[in-house]
N, C-alpha and C. Protein backbone atom coordinates (compact mmCIF):
# COMPACT_ATOMS: atom_id res chain seq x y z
N MET A 1 0.84 -1.18 0.00
CA MET A 1 0.00 0.00 0.00
C MET A 1 0.89 1.25 0.00
N ALA A 2 0.49 2.27 -0.74
CA ALA A 2 1.26 3.50 -0.85
C ALA A 2 1.29 4.23 0.49
N LYS A 3 2.41 4.84 0.78
CA LYS A 3 2.54 5.61 2.01
C LYS A 3 1.88 6.98 1.85
N THR A 4 1.41 7.53 2.95
CA THR A 4 0.80 8.86 2.92
C THR A 4 1.88 9.92 2.85
N ILE A 5 1.54 11.06 2.26
CA ILE A 5 2.54 12.11 2.01
C ILE A 5 2.06 13.46 2.55
N SER A 6 2.95 14.09 3.34
CA SER A 6 2.77 15.48 3.76
C SER A 6 3.73 16.35 2.97
N VAL A 7 3.29 17.53 2.59
CA VAL A 7 4.17 18.54 2.01
C VAL A 7 4.34 19.61 3.09
N ALA A 8 5.60 19.87 3.46
CA ALA A 8 5.92 20.88 4.48
C ALA A 8 6.42 22.14 3.78
N LEU A 9 5.70 23.23 3.99
CA LEU A 9 6.00 24.50 3.34
C LEU A 9 6.18 25.58 4.39
N ALA A 10 7.31 26.28 4.33
CA ALA A 10 7.55 27.44 5.19
C ALA A 10 7.39 28.68 4.32
N THR A 11 6.60 29.66 4.80
CA THR A 11 6.38 30.87 4.02
C THR A 11 6.76 32.11 4.80
N TYR A 12 7.16 33.13 4.04
CA TYR A 12 7.36 34.48 4.57
C TYR A 12 7.38 35.43 3.37
N LYS A 13 6.45 36.34 3.33
CA LYS A 13 6.32 37.28 2.20
C LYS A 13 6.29 36.54 0.87
N GLY A 14 5.53 35.45 0.80
CA GLY A 14 5.51 34.62 -0.39
C GLY A 14 4.31 34.80 -1.28
N GLY A 15 3.45 35.77 -0.98
CA GLY A 15 2.21 35.94 -1.72
C GLY A 15 2.39 35.98 -3.23
N GLN A 16 3.44 36.63 -3.70
CA GLN A 16 3.64 36.77 -5.15
C GLN A 16 4.01 35.46 -5.83
N TYR A 17 4.53 34.48 -5.08
CA TYR A 17 4.98 33.22 -5.66
C TYR A 17 3.98 32.08 -5.49
N LEU A 18 3.15 32.18 -4.49
CA LEU A 18 2.37 31.02 -4.06
C LEU A 18 1.35 30.52 -5.07
N GLY A 19 0.79 31.37 -5.88
CA GLY A 19 -0.23 30.93 -6.83
C GLY A 19 0.28 29.82 -7.73
N GLU A 20 1.43 30.02 -8.34
CA GLU A 20 1.99 29.01 -9.24
C GLU A 20 2.42 27.76 -8.48
N LEU A 21 3.00 27.94 -7.31
CA LEU A 21 3.38 26.77 -6.51
C LEU A 21 2.16 25.94 -6.16
N LEU A 22 1.15 26.57 -5.58
CA LEU A 22 -0.03 25.83 -5.13
C LEU A 22 -0.73 25.15 -6.30
N ASP A 23 -0.76 25.82 -7.44
CA ASP A 23 -1.34 25.21 -8.63
C ASP A 23 -0.57 23.95 -9.01
N SER A 24 0.77 24.00 -8.92
CA SER A 24 1.57 22.82 -9.28
C SER A 24 1.37 21.69 -8.27
N LEU A 25 1.13 22.01 -7.02
CA LEU A 25 0.84 20.96 -6.02
C LEU A 25 -0.51 20.30 -6.31
N ALA A 26 -1.49 21.10 -6.69
CA ALA A 26 -2.83 20.57 -6.97
C ALA A 26 -2.86 19.73 -8.24
N LYS A 27 -1.86 19.88 -9.10
CA LYS A 27 -1.82 19.14 -10.37
C LYS A 27 -0.90 17.92 -10.31
N GLN A 28 -0.48 17.52 -9.12
CA GLN A 28 0.37 16.33 -9.00
C GLN A 28 -0.40 15.09 -9.46
N THR A 29 0.29 14.20 -10.16
CA THR A 29 -0.35 12.95 -10.58
C THR A 29 -0.59 12.03 -9.39
N LEU A 30 0.16 12.22 -8.33
CA LEU A 30 -0.10 11.58 -7.04
C LEU A 30 -0.24 12.72 -6.04
N LEU A 31 -1.45 13.00 -5.62
CA LEU A 31 -1.68 14.12 -4.71
C LEU A 31 -1.15 13.82 -3.32
N PRO A 32 -0.63 14.83 -2.64
CA PRO A 32 -0.27 14.62 -1.23
C PRO A 32 -1.54 14.46 -0.41
N ASN A 33 -1.40 13.92 0.78
CA ASN A 33 -2.55 13.81 1.69
C ASN A 33 -2.80 15.11 2.41
N GLU A 34 -1.73 15.89 2.58
CA GLU A 34 -1.88 17.18 3.27
C GLU A 34 -0.75 18.12 2.87
N LEU A 35 -1.05 19.40 3.00
CA LEU A 35 -0.07 20.47 2.89
C LEU A 35 -0.04 21.15 4.25
N VAL A 36 1.13 21.19 4.88
CA VAL A 36 1.28 21.86 6.16
C VAL A 36 2.14 23.09 5.94
N VAL A 37 1.55 24.25 6.17
CA VAL A 37 2.23 25.53 5.94
C VAL A 37 2.48 26.20 7.28
N SER A 38 3.73 26.60 7.48
CA SER A 38 4.06 27.42 8.65
C SER A 38 4.45 28.79 8.11
N ASP A 39 3.64 29.80 8.43
CA ASP A 39 3.90 31.16 7.95
C ASP A 39 4.58 31.96 9.05
N ASP A 40 5.66 32.66 8.68
CA ASP A 40 6.49 33.38 9.63
C ASP A 40 6.05 34.83 9.80
N ASN A 41 4.73 35.01 10.04
CA ASN A 41 4.16 36.33 10.30
C ASN A 41 4.34 37.27 9.10
N SER A 42 3.96 36.78 7.93
CA SER A 42 4.11 37.56 6.69
C SER A 42 3.25 38.82 6.73
N PRO A 43 3.83 39.96 6.34
CA PRO A 43 3.05 41.21 6.31
C PRO A 43 2.32 41.43 4.98
N ASP A 44 2.51 40.52 4.01
CA ASP A 44 1.86 40.68 2.71
C ASP A 44 0.59 39.82 2.64
N ASN A 45 0.19 39.43 1.47
CA ASN A 45 -1.05 38.67 1.27
C ASN A 45 -0.85 37.15 1.31
N THR A 46 0.24 36.69 1.87
CA THR A 46 0.54 35.25 1.92
C THR A 46 -0.61 34.45 2.52
N ILE A 47 -1.09 34.85 3.68
CA ILE A 47 -2.16 34.10 4.36
C ILE A 47 -3.43 34.09 3.52
N GLU A 48 -3.77 35.20 2.91
CA GLU A 48 -4.97 35.25 2.09
C GLU A 48 -4.88 34.30 0.90
N VAL A 49 -3.72 34.24 0.26
CA VAL A 49 -3.52 33.33 -0.87
C VAL A 49 -3.67 31.89 -0.40
N LEU A 50 -3.06 31.56 0.74
CA LEU A 50 -3.15 30.20 1.28
C LEU A 50 -4.59 29.84 1.65
N GLU A 51 -5.29 30.75 2.30
CA GLU A 51 -6.68 30.47 2.70
C GLU A 51 -7.58 30.27 1.49
N ALA A 52 -7.39 31.07 0.44
CA ALA A 52 -8.19 30.91 -0.77
C ALA A 52 -7.91 29.55 -1.40
N PHE A 53 -6.65 29.14 -1.43
CA PHE A 53 -6.31 27.83 -1.99
C PHE A 53 -6.93 26.71 -1.15
N ALA A 54 -6.87 26.83 0.17
CA ALA A 54 -7.38 25.80 1.07
C ALA A 54 -8.86 25.51 0.83
N GLU A 55 -9.62 26.51 0.40
CA GLU A 55 -11.06 26.33 0.17
C GLU A 55 -11.36 25.33 -0.93
N SER A 56 -10.48 25.22 -1.92
CA SER A 56 -10.76 24.32 -3.04
C SER A 56 -9.66 23.29 -3.28
N ALA A 57 -8.70 23.21 -2.41
CA ALA A 57 -7.57 22.28 -2.59
C ALA A 57 -8.06 20.84 -2.61
N PRO A 58 -7.42 19.99 -3.42
CA PRO A 58 -7.82 18.58 -3.48
C PRO A 58 -7.21 17.73 -2.36
N PHE A 59 -6.70 18.39 -1.33
CA PHE A 59 -6.13 17.73 -0.16
C PHE A 59 -6.25 18.69 1.02
N LYS A 60 -6.04 18.16 2.21
CA LYS A 60 -6.14 18.98 3.43
C LYS A 60 -5.01 20.01 3.46
N VAL A 61 -5.33 21.22 3.90
CA VAL A 61 -4.35 22.28 4.06
C VAL A 61 -4.40 22.77 5.50
N ASN A 62 -3.28 22.68 6.20
CA ASN A 62 -3.15 23.14 7.58
C ASN A 62 -2.24 24.36 7.58
N ILE A 63 -2.78 25.52 7.90
CA ILE A 63 -2.01 26.77 7.92
C ILE A 63 -1.70 27.15 9.36
N ILE A 64 -0.44 27.24 9.68
CA ILE A 64 0.01 27.64 11.02
C ILE A 64 0.49 29.08 10.91
N ARG A 65 -0.11 29.94 11.70
CA ARG A 65 0.23 31.37 11.66
C ARG A 65 1.09 31.70 12.88
N ASN A 66 2.37 31.93 12.65
CA ASN A 66 3.26 32.30 13.75
C ASN A 66 3.08 33.78 14.05
N THR A 67 2.93 34.11 15.32
CA THR A 67 2.78 35.52 15.69
C THR A 67 4.12 36.21 15.83
N ASP A 68 5.16 35.44 16.06
CA ASP A 68 6.53 35.95 16.09
C ASP A 68 7.30 35.32 14.95
N GLN A 69 8.28 36.04 14.43
CA GLN A 69 9.09 35.46 13.37
C GLN A 69 10.07 34.46 13.96
N LEU A 70 10.06 33.26 13.38
CA LEU A 70 10.92 32.18 13.86
C LEU A 70 12.23 32.10 13.09
N GLY A 71 12.26 32.61 11.88
CA GLY A 71 13.41 32.41 11.00
C GLY A 71 13.18 31.15 10.18
N ILE A 72 13.91 31.02 9.09
CA ILE A 72 13.63 29.96 8.13
C ILE A 72 13.78 28.55 8.72
N ILE A 73 14.80 28.31 9.50
CA ILE A 73 15.02 26.96 10.03
C ILE A 73 13.92 26.57 11.00
N ASP A 74 13.62 27.42 11.96
CA ASP A 74 12.57 27.09 12.92
C ASP A 74 11.18 27.11 12.29
N ASN A 75 11.00 27.92 11.25
CA ASN A 75 9.73 27.95 10.55
C ASN A 75 9.49 26.61 9.84
N PHE A 76 10.52 26.09 9.17
CA PHE A 76 10.39 24.77 8.56
C PHE A 76 10.19 23.71 9.64
N ALA A 77 10.92 23.81 10.74
CA ALA A 77 10.77 22.83 11.83
C ALA A 77 9.33 22.79 12.33
N LYS A 78 8.70 23.96 12.43
CA LYS A 78 7.30 24.03 12.86
C LYS A 78 6.39 23.30 11.88
N ALA A 79 6.66 23.47 10.59
CA ALA A 79 5.88 22.75 9.57
C ALA A 79 6.08 21.25 9.73
N PHE A 80 7.33 20.81 9.86
CA PHE A 80 7.62 19.37 10.01
C PHE A 80 6.93 18.79 11.23
N GLU A 81 6.99 19.50 12.33
CA GLU A 81 6.38 19.01 13.58
C GLU A 81 4.89 18.77 13.44
N ASN A 82 4.26 19.45 12.52
CA ASN A 82 2.81 19.34 12.36
C ASN A 82 2.39 18.40 11.23
N CYS A 83 3.35 17.80 10.54
CA CYS A 83 3.04 16.83 9.49
C CYS A 83 2.55 15.53 10.12
N LYS A 84 1.53 14.96 9.55
CA LYS A 84 0.91 13.76 10.10
C LYS A 84 1.13 12.50 9.26
N CYS A 85 1.76 12.62 8.11
CA CYS A 85 1.89 11.49 7.19
C CYS A 85 3.23 10.77 7.33
N GLU A 86 3.34 9.65 6.62
CA GLU A 86 4.54 8.81 6.71
C GLU A 86 5.73 9.42 5.98
N LEU A 87 5.50 10.08 4.87
CA LEU A 87 6.55 10.70 4.08
C LEU A 87 6.37 12.21 4.11
N ILE A 88 7.50 12.92 4.08
CA ILE A 88 7.46 14.38 4.08
C ILE A 88 8.29 14.90 2.91
N ALA A 89 7.71 15.83 2.18
CA ALA A 89 8.41 16.53 1.10
C ALA A 89 8.60 17.98 1.51
N TYR A 90 9.84 18.45 1.49
CA TYR A 90 10.11 19.87 1.67
C TYR A 90 9.51 20.62 0.49
N CYS A 91 9.11 21.85 0.73
CA CYS A 91 8.60 22.68 -0.35
C CYS A 91 8.97 24.13 -0.07
N ASP A 92 9.62 24.78 -1.01
CA ASP A 92 9.93 26.20 -0.89
C ASP A 92 8.83 27.01 -1.57
N GLN A 93 8.57 28.20 -1.06
CA GLN A 93 7.44 28.99 -1.53
C GLN A 93 7.57 29.45 -2.98
N ASP A 94 8.76 29.41 -3.53
CA ASP A 94 8.92 29.81 -4.93
C ASP A 94 9.18 28.62 -5.85
N ASP A 95 8.91 27.40 -5.36
CA ASP A 95 9.02 26.20 -6.20
C ASP A 95 7.88 26.16 -7.20
N ILE A 96 8.10 25.42 -8.26
CA ILE A 96 7.04 24.96 -9.15
C ILE A 96 7.39 23.52 -9.44
N TRP A 97 6.48 22.62 -9.09
CA TRP A 97 6.75 21.19 -9.19
C TRP A 97 6.27 20.62 -10.51
N ALA A 98 7.08 19.75 -11.09
CA ALA A 98 6.66 18.98 -12.25
C ALA A 98 5.48 18.11 -11.81
N PRO A 99 4.51 17.88 -12.68
CA PRO A 99 3.29 17.15 -12.28
C PRO A 99 3.54 15.76 -11.70
N GLU A 100 4.59 15.09 -12.12
CA GLU A 100 4.85 13.73 -11.68
C GLU A 100 5.85 13.63 -10.54
N LYS A 101 6.23 14.76 -9.94
CA LYS A 101 7.26 14.74 -8.90
C LYS A 101 6.93 13.76 -7.77
N LEU A 102 5.82 13.93 -7.11
CA LEU A 102 5.51 13.06 -5.96
C LEU A 102 5.33 11.61 -6.38
N GLU A 103 4.69 11.38 -7.49
CA GLU A 103 4.48 10.00 -7.95
C GLU A 103 5.81 9.30 -8.22
N THR A 104 6.72 10.00 -8.89
CA THR A 104 8.02 9.43 -9.21
C THR A 104 8.83 9.14 -7.96
N LEU A 105 8.88 10.11 -7.04
CA LEU A 105 9.67 9.92 -5.82
C LEU A 105 9.05 8.87 -4.91
N ALA A 106 7.73 8.92 -4.74
CA ALA A 106 7.06 8.01 -3.80
C ALA A 106 7.17 6.56 -4.24
N ALA A 107 7.28 6.29 -5.53
CA ALA A 107 7.37 4.92 -6.02
C ALA A 107 8.56 4.18 -5.41
N HIS A 108 9.62 4.89 -5.09
CA HIS A 108 10.83 4.26 -4.54
C HIS A 108 10.62 3.75 -3.11
N PHE A 109 9.60 4.24 -2.43
CA PHE A 109 9.36 3.84 -1.04
C PHE A 109 8.62 2.51 -0.95
N ALA A 110 8.38 1.86 -2.09
CA ALA A 110 7.85 0.49 -2.06
C ALA A 110 8.88 -0.45 -1.44
N LYS A 111 10.15 -0.06 -1.52
CA LYS A 111 11.22 -0.83 -0.88
C LYS A 111 11.37 -0.32 0.55
N PRO A 112 11.20 -1.18 1.54
CA PRO A 112 11.23 -0.71 2.94
C PRO A 112 12.56 -0.11 3.38
N GLU A 113 13.65 -0.45 2.71
CA GLU A 113 14.95 0.09 3.10
C GLU A 113 15.15 1.54 2.64
N VAL A 114 14.30 2.03 1.75
CA VAL A 114 14.43 3.40 1.25
C VAL A 114 13.88 4.37 2.30
N LYS A 115 14.69 5.34 2.67
CA LYS A 115 14.29 6.35 3.66
C LYS A 115 14.35 7.77 3.10
N LEU A 116 15.05 7.95 1.98
CA LEU A 116 15.22 9.27 1.40
C LEU A 116 15.40 9.13 -0.11
N VAL A 117 14.67 9.95 -0.86
CA VAL A 117 14.85 10.03 -2.31
C VAL A 117 15.04 11.49 -2.65
N MET A 118 16.03 11.75 -3.54
CA MET A 118 16.33 13.12 -3.95
C MET A 118 16.32 13.19 -5.48
N HIS A 119 16.13 14.40 -5.99
CA HIS A 119 16.15 14.62 -7.43
C HIS A 119 16.86 15.93 -7.73
N ARG A 120 17.20 16.12 -9.00
CA ARG A 120 17.78 17.39 -9.43
C ARG A 120 16.67 18.39 -9.70
N SER A 121 17.03 19.67 -9.69
CA SER A 121 16.09 20.74 -10.03
C SER A 121 16.62 21.51 -11.23
N GLU A 122 15.72 21.99 -12.05
CA GLU A 122 16.11 22.86 -13.15
C GLU A 122 15.97 24.31 -12.68
N ALA A 123 17.02 25.08 -12.86
CA ALA A 123 16.99 26.50 -12.48
C ALA A 123 16.27 27.29 -13.57
N VAL A 124 15.37 28.19 -13.14
CA VAL A 124 14.62 29.03 -14.07
C VAL A 124 14.64 30.48 -13.56
N ASP A 125 14.32 31.40 -14.46
CA ASP A 125 14.24 32.79 -14.06
C ASP A 125 12.82 33.11 -13.56
N GLY A 126 12.56 34.36 -13.28
CA GLY A 126 11.27 34.78 -12.75
C GLY A 126 10.10 34.54 -13.69
N ASP A 127 10.39 34.36 -14.98
CA ASP A 127 9.35 34.07 -15.97
C ASP A 127 9.31 32.59 -16.33
N LEU A 128 10.00 31.76 -15.55
CA LEU A 128 10.07 30.31 -15.73
C LEU A 128 10.84 29.88 -16.97
N ASN A 129 11.70 30.75 -17.48
CA ASN A 129 12.56 30.37 -18.59
C ASN A 129 13.78 29.65 -18.04
N PRO A 130 14.13 28.48 -18.60
CA PRO A 130 15.30 27.74 -18.10
C PRO A 130 16.57 28.58 -18.19
N LEU A 131 17.38 28.50 -17.15
CA LEU A 131 18.65 29.23 -17.11
C LEU A 131 19.80 28.39 -17.65
N GLY A 132 19.53 27.14 -18.02
CA GLY A 132 20.55 26.32 -18.65
C GLY A 132 21.39 25.48 -17.70
N TYR A 133 20.97 25.37 -16.45
CA TYR A 133 21.72 24.50 -15.54
C TYR A 133 20.77 23.86 -14.54
N HIS A 134 21.29 22.83 -13.89
CA HIS A 134 20.53 22.09 -12.89
C HIS A 134 21.25 22.15 -11.55
N ILE A 135 20.52 21.87 -10.49
CA ILE A 135 21.08 21.84 -9.14
C ILE A 135 20.78 20.45 -8.56
N PRO A 136 21.75 19.62 -8.25
CA PRO A 136 23.17 19.79 -8.60
C PRO A 136 23.37 19.62 -10.10
N GLU A 137 24.46 20.18 -10.60
CA GLU A 137 24.71 20.16 -12.04
C GLU A 137 24.93 18.75 -12.57
N ARG A 138 25.75 17.97 -11.87
CA ARG A 138 25.98 16.59 -12.29
C ARG A 138 25.03 15.68 -11.55
N HIS A 139 24.54 14.69 -12.24
CA HIS A 139 23.59 13.77 -11.62
C HIS A 139 24.36 12.67 -10.89
N GLU A 140 24.65 12.89 -9.63
CA GLU A 140 25.39 11.91 -8.84
C GLU A 140 24.49 11.13 -7.91
N ILE A 141 23.23 11.46 -7.86
CA ILE A 141 22.30 10.75 -6.99
C ILE A 141 21.68 9.64 -7.83
N GLU A 142 22.07 8.43 -7.57
CA GLU A 142 21.60 7.30 -8.36
C GLU A 142 20.75 6.38 -7.51
N ILE A 143 19.67 5.90 -8.05
CA ILE A 143 18.81 4.95 -7.37
C ILE A 143 19.61 3.69 -7.08
N GLY A 144 19.53 3.22 -5.86
CA GLY A 144 20.22 2.00 -5.48
C GLY A 144 21.66 2.21 -5.07
N GLU A 145 22.16 3.42 -5.09
CA GLU A 145 23.52 3.70 -4.68
C GLU A 145 23.51 4.62 -3.48
N VAL A 146 24.61 4.66 -2.78
CA VAL A 146 24.70 5.49 -1.59
C VAL A 146 25.65 6.65 -1.87
N GLN A 147 25.41 7.31 -3.00
CA GLN A 147 26.24 8.44 -3.38
C GLN A 147 25.41 9.71 -3.25
N PHE A 148 26.05 10.75 -2.84
CA PHE A 148 25.38 12.03 -2.68
C PHE A 148 26.18 13.09 -3.42
N PRO A 149 25.60 14.24 -3.67
CA PRO A 149 26.35 15.31 -4.33
C PRO A 149 27.57 15.70 -3.51
N SER A 150 28.56 16.23 -4.19
CA SER A 150 29.78 16.67 -3.52
C SER A 150 29.44 17.83 -2.57
N SER A 151 30.36 18.13 -1.66
CA SER A 151 30.13 19.24 -0.73
C SER A 151 29.97 20.55 -1.48
N GLU A 152 30.64 20.69 -2.62
CA GLU A 152 30.50 21.90 -3.43
C GLU A 152 29.06 22.04 -3.91
N GLU A 153 28.46 20.96 -4.37
CA GLU A 153 27.09 21.01 -4.85
C GLU A 153 26.10 21.15 -3.71
N MET A 154 26.42 20.64 -2.55
CA MET A 154 25.53 20.73 -1.41
C MET A 154 25.31 22.18 -0.97
N THR A 155 26.18 23.09 -1.34
CA THR A 155 26.01 24.48 -0.95
C THR A 155 24.74 25.07 -1.54
N TYR A 156 24.18 24.44 -2.55
CA TYR A 156 22.95 24.92 -3.13
C TYR A 156 21.74 24.64 -2.25
N GLY A 157 21.86 23.73 -1.33
CA GLY A 157 20.72 23.38 -0.50
C GLY A 157 19.76 22.50 -1.27
N LEU A 158 19.53 21.33 -0.79
CA LEU A 158 18.74 20.37 -1.53
C LEU A 158 17.41 20.05 -0.88
N GLY A 159 16.97 20.83 0.09
CA GLY A 159 15.73 20.52 0.80
C GLY A 159 14.55 20.35 -0.12
N HIS A 160 14.37 21.23 -1.06
CA HIS A 160 13.21 21.16 -1.96
C HIS A 160 13.28 19.96 -2.90
N GLN A 161 14.38 19.25 -2.88
CA GLN A 161 14.57 18.10 -3.76
C GLN A 161 14.38 16.77 -3.04
N MET A 162 13.84 16.80 -1.83
CA MET A 162 13.78 15.60 -1.02
C MET A 162 12.35 15.13 -0.74
N LEU A 163 12.22 13.81 -0.64
CA LEU A 163 11.06 13.16 -0.05
C LEU A 163 11.65 12.15 0.91
N PHE A 164 11.26 12.21 2.17
CA PHE A 164 11.88 11.32 3.14
C PHE A 164 10.86 10.69 4.07
N ASP A 165 11.27 9.55 4.63
CA ASP A 165 10.46 8.77 5.55
C ASP A 165 10.74 9.26 6.98
């Protein structure tokens, strides 16, 4: 049986980005069971965008409104702490996910020894035009191997590229 999936999203002043992100989450070929959002007291329309999405989302949306700013690490930690599913996917507020992202990654968890799956990301500009490179640039993450990107590539931060148990 397929494992349940939470998407953990930390937001701060993300109103301008969230529409495209949320649309890409709703168009997943394998929908998550829940989206858990921890907002770091955004002064813009972030909460309004999230609430409007929650009304028609094809999955549960849990919005946590922090009254004090926690900072990015603690804001993500708050989202993780509130996830209820077996698998968790990091999500950045300016991501746009390929429709098959969750389905492709989740398929690997049919093997009980799999605890983490990662993928590369394509870098794009503000208009979603490809910038001609990927993060990490070389594909060193291979299914069935215990290889990870070099420390040089890790400086890019790979949180948005993970699904973990």
